[in-house]
Amino acid sequence: MNPRVKSVKPIEGYKLDIIFENDEEKIYDCSCHLDFGVFKELKDKNYFRQVRCNDGTVVWPHDQDICPDTLYIDSITK
């Protein structure tokens, strides 16, 4: 089982700076999601910056979320 998200901070280029429960800090690029379904709303940079950590993953106010396993596996080490 991959570690869950401990904290998240939005950064330029639709990326997230994530610290996982094992204290690894990684960068996840959300740009690949921006043209699909509920994720289209993330194109609004003000909305994108409203990301927060909840129950071990990242979420936005209108219930968008990304699987914590995806976040861990597809992110790059900072």
PDB file of N, CA and C in Angstrom:
ATOM      1  N   MET A   1       0.848  -1.181   0.000  1.00  0.00           N
ATOM      2  CA  MET A   1       0.000   0.000   0.000  1.00  0.00           C
ATOM      3  C   MET A   1       0.892   1.243   0.000  1.00  0.00           C
ATOM      4  N   ASN A   2       0.589   2.156  -0.886  1.00  0.00           N
ATOM      5  CA  ASN A   2       1.362   3.389  -0.977  1.00  0.00           C
ATOM      6  C   ASN A   2       0.979   4.359   0.136  1.00  0.00           C
ATOM      7  N   PRO A   3       1.906   5.238   0.516  1.00  0.00           N
ATOM      8  CA  PRO A   3       1.597   6.206   1.571  1.00  0.00           C
ATOM      9  C   PRO A   3       0.543   7.207   1.104  1.00  0.00           C
ATOM     10  N   ARG A   4      -0.195   7.728   2.036  1.00  0.00           N
ATOM     11  CA  ARG A   4      -1.240   8.702   1.756  1.00  0.00           C
ATOM     12  C   ARG A   4      -0.687  10.117   1.881  1.00  0.00           C
ATOM     13  N   VAL A   5      -1.459  11.067   1.417  1.00  0.00           N
ATOM     14  CA  VAL A   5      -1.057  12.472   1.418  1.00  0.00           C
ATOM     15  C   VAL A   5      -1.176  13.055   2.824  1.00  0.00           C
ATOM     16  N   LYS A   6      -0.107  13.735   3.225  1.00  0.00           N
ATOM     17  CA  LYS A   6      -0.096  14.430   4.514  1.00  0.00           C
ATOM     18  C   LYS A   6      -0.373  15.925   4.326  1.00  0.00           C
ATOM     19  N   SER A   7       0.163  16.503   3.262  1.00  0.00           N
ATOM     20  CA  SER A   7      -0.089  17.912   2.960  1.00  0.00           C
ATOM     21  C   SER A   7       0.086  18.157   1.470  1.00  0.00           C
ATOM     22  N   VAL A   8      -0.535  19.217   0.998  1.00  0.00           N
ATOM     23  CA  VAL A   8      -0.471  19.557  -0.424  1.00  0.00           C
ATOM     24  C   VAL A   8      -0.419  21.068  -0.583  1.00  0.00           C
ATOM     25  N   LYS A   9       0.334  21.494  -1.598  1.00  0.00           N
ATOM     26  CA  LYS A   9       0.442  22.916  -1.919  1.00  0.00           C
ATOM     27  C   LYS A   9       0.426  23.046  -3.437  1.00  0.00           C
ATOM     28  N   PRO A  10      -0.470  23.895  -3.982  1.00  0.00           N
ATOM     29  CA  PRO A  10      -0.474  24.105  -5.428  1.00  0.00           C
ATOM     30  C   PRO A  10       0.734  24.929  -5.851  1.00  0.00           C
ATOM     31  N   ILE A  11       1.302  24.585  -7.006  1.00  0.00           N
ATOM     32  CA  ILE A  11       2.421  25.353  -7.549  1.00  0.00           C
ATOM     33  C   ILE A  11       2.145  25.631  -9.030  1.00  0.00           C
ATOM     34  N   GLU A  12       2.990  26.430  -9.646  1.00  0.00           N
ATOM     35  CA  GLU A  12       2.795  26.832 -11.040  1.00  0.00           C
ATOM     36  C   GLU A  12       2.679  25.639 -11.989  1.00  0.00           C
ATOM     37  N   GLY A  13       1.970  25.861 -13.085  1.00  0.00           N
ATOM     38  CA  GLY A  13       1.863  24.837 -14.128  1.00  0.00           C
ATOM     39  C   GLY A  13       0.905  23.719 -13.795  1.00  0.00           C
ATOM     40  N   TYR A  14      -0.104  23.993 -12.980  1.00  0.00           N
ATOM     41  CA  TYR A  14      -1.086  22.986 -12.575  1.00  0.00           C
ATOM     42  C   TYR A  14      -0.422  21.777 -11.917  1.00  0.00           C
ATOM     43  N   LYS A  15       0.536  22.070 -11.064  1.00  0.00           N
ATOM     44  CA  LYS A  15       1.240  21.008 -10.340  1.00  0.00           C
ATOM     45  C   LYS A  15       0.962  21.121  -8.846  1.00  0.00           C
ATOM     46  N   LEU A  16       1.140  19.998  -8.171  1.00  0.00           N
ATOM     47  CA  LEU A  16       0.950  19.937  -6.726  1.00  0.00           C
ATOM     48  C   LEU A  16       2.252  19.501  -6.066  1.00  0.00           C
ATOM     49  N   ASP A  17       2.631  20.204  -5.035  1.00  0.00           N
ATOM     50  CA  ASP A  17       3.763  19.825  -4.194  1.00  0.00           C
ATOM     51  C   ASP A  17       3.157  19.050  -3.030  1.00  0.00           C
ATOM     52  N   ILE A  18       3.431  17.761  -2.982  1.00  0.00           N
ATOM     53  CA  ILE A  18       2.779  16.870  -2.020  1.00  0.00           C
ATOM     54  C   ILE A  18       3.795  16.281  -1.058  1.00  0.00           C
ATOM     55  N   ILE A  19       3.447  16.287   0.211  1.00  0.00           N
ATOM     56  CA  ILE A  19       4.215  15.554   1.222  1.00  0.00           C
ATOM     57  C   ILE A  19       3.356  14.369   1.647  1.00  0.00           C
ATOM     58  N   PHE A  20       3.933  13.194   1.521  1.00  0.00           N
ATOM     59  CA  PHE A  20       3.232  11.959   1.868  1.00  0.00           C
ATOM     60  C   PHE A  20       3.512  11.574   3.318  1.00  0.00           C
ATOM     61  N   GLU A  21       2.737  10.646   3.830  1.00  0.00           N
ATOM     62  CA  GLU A  21       2.861  10.224   5.232  1.00  0.00           C
ATOM     63  C   GLU A  21       4.231   9.665   5.574  1.00  0.00           C
ATOM     64  N   ASN A  22       4.965   9.185   4.575  1.00  0.00           N
ATOM     65  CA  ASN A  22       6.319   8.678   4.822  1.00  0.00           C
ATOM     66  C   ASN A  22       7.362   9.796   4.715  1.00  0.00           C
ATOM     67  N   ASP A  23       6.896  11.056   4.651  1.00  0.00           N
ATOM     68  CA  ASP A  23       7.709  12.278   4.564  1.00  0.00           C
ATOM     69  C   ASP A  23       8.419  12.469   3.232  1.00  0.00           C
ATOM     70  N   GLU A  24       8.065  11.685   2.211  1.00  0.00           N
ATOM     71  CA  GLU A  24       8.584  11.940   0.868  1.00  0.00           C
ATOM     72  C   GLU A  24       7.861  13.159   0.311  1.00  0.00           C
ATOM     73  N   GLU A  25       8.609  14.024  -0.359  1.00  0.00           N
ATOM     74  CA  GLU A  25       8.018  15.184  -1.016  1.00  0.00           C
ATOM     75  C   GLU A  25       8.135  14.978  -2.511  1.00  0.00           C
ATOM     76  N   LYS A  26       6.979  15.062  -3.197  1.00  0.00           N
ATOM     77  CA  LYS A  26       6.941  14.791  -4.627  1.00  0.00           C
ATOM     78  C   LYS A  26       6.094  15.837  -5.341  1.00  0.00           C
ATOM     79  N   ILE A  27       6.259  15.910  -6.652  1.00  0.00           N
ATOM     80  CA  ILE A  27       5.508  16.826  -7.487  1.00  0.00           C
ATOM     81  C   ILE A  27       4.582  16.020  -8.401  1.00  0.00           C
ATOM     82  N   TYR A  28       3.302  16.378  -8.393  1.00  0.00           N
ATOM     83  CA  TYR A  28       2.331  15.724  -9.271  1.00  0.00           C
ATOM     84  C   TYR A  28       1.805  16.748 -10.257  1.00  0.00           C
ATOM     85  N   ASP A  29       1.837  16.407 -11.542  1.00  0.00           N
ATOM     86  CA  ASP A  29       1.368  17.285 -12.610  1.00  0.00           C
ATOM     87  C   ASP A  29      -0.083  16.940 -12.942  1.00  0.00           C
ATOM     88  N   CYS A  30      -0.982  17.884 -12.684  1.00  0.00           N
ATOM     89  CA  CYS A  30      -2.416  17.666 -12.932  1.00  0.00           C
ATOM     90  C   CYS A  30      -2.848  18.025 -14.341  1.00  0.00           C
ATOM     91  N   SER A  31      -1.956  18.559 -15.149  1.00  0.00           N
ATOM     92  CA  SER A  31      -2.353  19.072 -16.461  1.00  0.00           C
ATOM     93  C   SER A  31      -2.980  18.005 -17.358  1.00  0.00           C
ATOM     94  N   CYS A  32      -2.652  16.758 -17.155  1.00  0.00           N
ATOM     95  CA  CYS A  32      -3.218  15.693 -17.993  1.00  0.00           C
ATOM     96  C   CYS A  32      -4.699  15.448 -17.710  1.00  0.00           C
ATOM     97  N   HIS A  33      -5.217  15.987 -16.619  1.00  0.00           N
ATOM     98  CA  HIS A  33      -6.623  15.794 -16.242  1.00  0.00           C
ATOM     99  C   HIS A  33      -7.535  16.926 -16.703  1.00  0.00           C
ATOM    100  N   LEU A  34      -6.982  18.050 -17.120  1.00  0.00           N
ATOM    101  CA  LEU A  34      -7.744  19.284 -17.291  1.00  0.00           C
ATOM    102  C   LEU A  34      -8.787  19.268 -18.400  1.00  0.00           C
ATOM    103  N   ASP A  35      -8.743  18.327 -19.303  1.00  0.00           N
ATOM    104  CA  ASP A  35      -9.712  18.275 -20.397  1.00  0.00           C
ATOM    105  C   ASP A  35     -10.785  17.211 -20.198  1.00  0.00           C
ATOM    106  N   PHE A  36     -10.873  16.645 -19.000  1.00  0.00           N
ATOM    107  CA  PHE A  36     -11.782  15.532 -18.762  1.00  0.00           C
ATOM    108  C   PHE A  36     -12.803  15.834 -17.663  1.00  0.00           C
ATOM    109  N   GLY A  37     -14.070  15.667 -18.004  1.00  0.00           N
ATOM    110  CA  GLY A  37     -15.179  15.700 -17.048  1.00  0.00           C
ATOM    111  C   GLY A  37     -15.086  16.764 -15.981  1.00  0.00           C
ATOM    112  N   VAL A  38     -15.222  16.332 -14.734  1.00  0.00           N
ATOM    113  CA  VAL A  38     -15.248  17.254 -13.602  1.00  0.00           C
ATOM    114  C   VAL A  38     -13.930  17.999 -13.410  1.00  0.00           C
ATOM    115  N   PHE A  39     -12.858  17.481 -13.987  1.00  0.00           N
ATOM    116  CA  PHE A  39     -11.550  18.122 -13.817  1.00  0.00           C
ATOM    117  C   PHE A  39     -11.382  19.375 -14.667  1.00  0.00           C
ATOM    118  N   LYS A  40     -12.261  19.600 -15.644  1.00  0.00           N
ATOM    119  CA  LYS A  40     -12.170  20.804 -16.479  1.00  0.00           C
ATOM    120  C   LYS A  40     -12.197  22.074 -15.626  1.00  0.00           C
ATOM    121  N   GLU A  41     -12.906  22.020 -14.519  1.00  0.00           N
ATOM    122  CA  GLU A  41     -13.008  23.179 -13.627  1.00  0.00           C
ATOM    123  C   GLU A  41     -11.643  23.580 -13.050  1.00  0.00           C
ATOM    124  N   LEU A  42     -10.708  22.642 -13.009  1.00  0.00           N
ATOM    125  CA  LEU A  42      -9.379  22.935 -12.461  1.00  0.00           C
ATOM    126  C   LEU A  42      -8.577  23.880 -13.355  1.00  0.00           C
ATOM    127  N   LYS A  43      -9.021  24.083 -14.597  1.00  0.00           N
ATOM    128  CA  LYS A  43      -8.340  25.027 -15.485  1.00  0.00           C
ATOM    129  C   LYS A  43      -8.353  26.444 -14.921  1.00  0.00           C
ATOM    130  N   ASP A  44      -9.358  26.749 -14.109  1.00  0.00           N
ATOM    131  CA  ASP A  44      -9.424  28.047 -13.436  1.00  0.00           C
ATOM    132  C   ASP A  44      -8.360  28.036 -12.336  1.00  0.00           C
ATOM    133  N   LYS A  45      -7.314  28.823 -12.529  1.00  0.00           N
ATOM    134  CA  LYS A  45      -6.178  28.786 -11.599  1.00  0.00           C
ATOM    135  C   LYS A  45      -6.567  29.153 -10.174  1.00  0.00           C
ATOM    136  N   ASN A  46      -7.528  30.055 -10.010  1.00  0.00           N
ATOM    137  CA  ASN A  46      -7.982  30.398  -8.661  1.00  0.00           C
ATOM    138  C   ASN A  46      -8.649  29.197  -8.001  1.00  0.00           C
ATOM    139  N   TYR A  47      -9.433  28.466  -8.781  1.00  0.00           N
ATOM    140  CA  TYR A  47     -10.068  27.263  -8.263  1.00  0.00           C
ATOM    141  C   TYR A  47      -9.016  26.181  -7.985  1.00  0.00           C
ATOM    142  N   PHE A  48      -8.084  26.002  -8.901  1.00  0.00           N
ATOM    143  CA  PHE A  48      -7.036  24.994  -8.718  1.00  0.00           C
ATOM    144  C   PHE A  48      -6.305  25.202  -7.391  1.00  0.00           C
ATOM    145  N   ARG A  49      -6.065  26.462  -7.049  1.00  0.00           N
ATOM    146  CA  ARG A  49      -5.331  26.779  -5.811  1.00  0.00           C
ATOM    147  C   ARG A  49      -6.118  26.476  -4.538  1.00  0.00           C
ATOM    148  N   GLN A  50      -7.367  26.096  -4.667  1.00  0.00           N
ATOM    149  CA  GLN A  50      -8.179  25.755  -3.492  1.00  0.00           C
ATOM    150  C   GLN A  50      -8.003  24.303  -3.054  1.00  0.00           C
ATOM    151  N   VAL A  51      -7.052  23.617  -3.646  1.00  0.00           N
ATOM    152  CA  VAL A  51      -6.785  22.222  -3.297  1.00  0.00           C
ATOM    153  C   VAL A  51      -6.445  22.110  -1.809  1.00  0.00           C
ATOM    154  N   ARG A  52      -6.838  20.984  -1.236  1.00  0.00           N
ATOM    155  CA  ARG A  52      -6.498  20.702   0.163  1.00  0.00           C
ATOM    156  C   ARG A  52      -6.377  19.195   0.358  1.00  0.00           C
ATOM    157  N   CYS A  53      -5.832  18.848   1.482  1.00  0.00           N
ATOM    158  CA  CYS A  53      -5.682  17.441   1.845  1.00  0.00           C
ATOM    159  C   CYS A  53      -6.902  17.013   2.667  1.00  0.00           C
ATOM    160  N   ASN A  54      -7.456  15.852   2.327  1.00  0.00           N
ATOM    161  CA  ASN A  54      -8.585  15.307   3.077  1.00  0.00           C
ATOM    162  C   ASN A  54      -8.547  13.785   2.999  1.00  0.00           C
ATOM    163  N   ASP A  55      -8.557  13.148   4.131  1.00  0.00           N
ATOM    164  CA  ASP A  55      -8.574  11.676   4.201  1.00  0.00           C
ATOM    165  C   ASP A  55      -7.484  11.024   3.359  1.00  0.00           C
ATOM    166  N   GLY A  56      -6.292  11.609   3.363  1.00  0.00           N
ATOM    167  CA  GLY A  56      -5.143  10.989   2.722  1.00  0.00           C
ATOM    168  C   GLY A  56      -5.022  11.214   1.236  1.00  0.00           C
ATOM    169  N   THR A  57      -5.831  12.110   0.690  1.00  0.00           N
ATOM    170  CA  THR A  57      -5.703  12.432  -0.729  1.00  0.00           C
ATOM    171  C   THR A  57      -5.893  13.926  -0.930  1.00  0.00           C
ATOM    172  N   VAL A  58      -5.898  14.377  -2.180  1.00  0.00           N
ATOM    173  CA  VAL A  58      -6.121  15.792  -2.475  1.00  0.00           C
ATOM    174  C   VAL A  58      -7.540  15.964  -2.995  1.00  0.00           C
ATOM    175  N   VAL A  59      -8.172  17.061  -2.601  1.00  0.00           N
ATOM    176  CA  VAL A  59      -9.550  17.337  -3.007  1.00  0.00           C
ATOM    177  C   VAL A  59      -9.713  18.822  -3.307  1.00  0.00           C
ATOM    178  N   TRP A  60     -10.747  19.118  -4.091  1.00  0.00           N
ATOM    179  CA  TRP A  60     -11.147  20.486  -4.368  1.00  0.00           C
ATOM    180  C   TRP A  60     -12.578  20.659  -3.897  1.00  0.00           C
ATOM    181  N   PRO A  61     -13.046  21.909  -3.778  1.00  0.00           N
ATOM    182  CA  PRO A  61     -14.368  22.172  -3.189  1.00  0.00           C
ATOM    183  C   PRO A  61     -15.561  21.484  -3.853  1.00  0.00           C
ATOM    184  N   HIS A  62     -15.511  21.234  -5.163  1.00  0.00           N
ATOM    185  CA  HIS A  62     -16.653  20.623  -5.839  1.00  0.00           C
ATOM    186  C   HIS A  62     -16.473  19.121  -6.025  1.00  0.00           C
ATOM    187  N   ASP A  63     -15.801  18.514  -5.072  1.00  0.00           N
ATOM    188  CA  ASP A  63     -15.649  17.053  -4.967  1.00  0.00           C
ATOM    189  C   ASP A  63     -14.721  16.403  -5.976  1.00  0.00           C
ATOM    190  N   GLN A  64     -13.884  17.165  -6.657  1.00  0.00           N
ATOM    191  CA  GLN A  64     -12.857  16.526  -7.475  1.00  0.00           C
ATOM    192  C   GLN A  64     -11.796  15.961  -6.525  1.00  0.00           C
ATOM    193  N   ASP A  65     -11.305  14.785  -6.849  1.00  0.00           N
ATOM    194  CA  ASP A  65     -10.203  14.200  -6.086  1.00  0.00           C
ATOM    195  C   ASP A  65      -9.398  13.295  -7.007  1.00  0.00           C
ATOM    196  N   ILE A  66      -8.222  12.940  -6.552  1.00  0.00           N
ATOM    197  CA  ILE A  66      -7.338  12.046  -7.315  1.00  0.00           C
ATOM    198  C   ILE A  66      -6.902  10.937  -6.369  1.00  0.00           C
ATOM    199  N   CYS A  67      -6.953   9.731  -6.833  1.00  0.00           N
ATOM    200  CA  CYS A  67      -6.582   8.561  -6.025  1.00  0.00           C
ATOM    201  C   CYS A  67      -5.185   8.755  -5.429  1.00  0.00           C
ATOM    202  N   PRO A  68      -5.025   8.526  -4.137  1.00  0.00           N
ATOM    203  CA  PRO A  68      -3.708   8.699  -3.524  1.00  0.00           C
ATOM    204  C   PRO A  68      -2.641   7.771  -4.104  1.00  0.00           C
ATOM    205  N   ASP A  69      -3.025   6.592  -4.569  1.00  0.00           N
ATOM    206  CA  ASP A  69      -2.052   5.702  -5.208  1.00  0.00           C
ATOM    207  C   ASP A  69      -1.552   6.323  -6.512  1.00  0.00           C
ATOM    208  N   THR A  70      -2.451   6.892  -7.288  1.00  0.00           N
ATOM    209  CA  THR A  70      -2.066   7.580  -8.520  1.00  0.00           C
ATOM    210  C   THR A  70      -1.132   8.727  -8.216  1.00  0.00           C
ATOM    211  N   LEU A  71      -1.459   9.519  -7.203  1.00  0.00           N
ATOM    212  CA  LEU A  71      -0.626  10.642  -6.825  1.00  0.00           C
ATOM    213  C   LEU A  71       0.807  10.188  -6.499  1.00  0.00           C
ATOM    214  N   TYR A  72       0.907   9.109  -5.759  1.00  0.00           N
ATOM    215  CA  TYR A  72       2.222   8.626  -5.334  1.00  0.00           C
ATOM    216  C   TYR A  72       3.008   8.014  -6.500  1.00  0.00           C
ATOM    217  N   ILE A  73       2.362   7.164  -7.258  1.00  0.00           N
ATOM    218  CA  ILE A  73       3.042   6.438  -8.329  1.00  0.00           C
ATOM    219  C   ILE A  73       3.432   7.361  -9.485  1.00  0.00           C
ATOM    220  N   ASP A  74       2.543   8.295  -9.838  1.00  0.00           N
ATOM    221  CA  ASP A  74       2.772   9.138 -11.011  1.00  0.00           C
ATOM    222  C   ASP A  74       3.466  10.472 -10.712  1.00  0.00           C
ATOM    223  N   SER A  75       3.837  10.692  -9.488  1.00  0.00           N
ATOM    224  CA  SER A  75       4.545  11.936  -9.157  1.00  0.00           C
ATOM    225  C   SER A  75       6.050  11.722  -9.237  1.00  0.00           C
ATOM    226  N   ILE A  76       6.776  12.839  -9.302  1.00  0.00           N
ATOM    227  CA  ILE A  76       8.232  12.762  -9.365  1.00  0.00           C
ATOM    228  C   ILE A  76       8.825  13.299  -8.072  1.00  0.00           C
ATOM    229  N   THR A  77       9.935  12.742  -7.676  1.00  0.00           N
ATOM    230  CA  THR A  77      10.604  13.177  -6.464  1.00  0.00           C
ATOM    231  C   THR A  77      11.124  14.587  -6.632  1.00  0.00           C
ATOM    232  N   LYS A  78      10.912  15.381  -5.635  1.00  0.00           N
ATOM    233  CA  LYS A  78      11.299  16.791  -5.686  1.00  0.00           C
ATOM    234  C   LYS A  78      12.798  16.937  -5.486  1.00  0.00           C
TER     235      LYS A  78
END
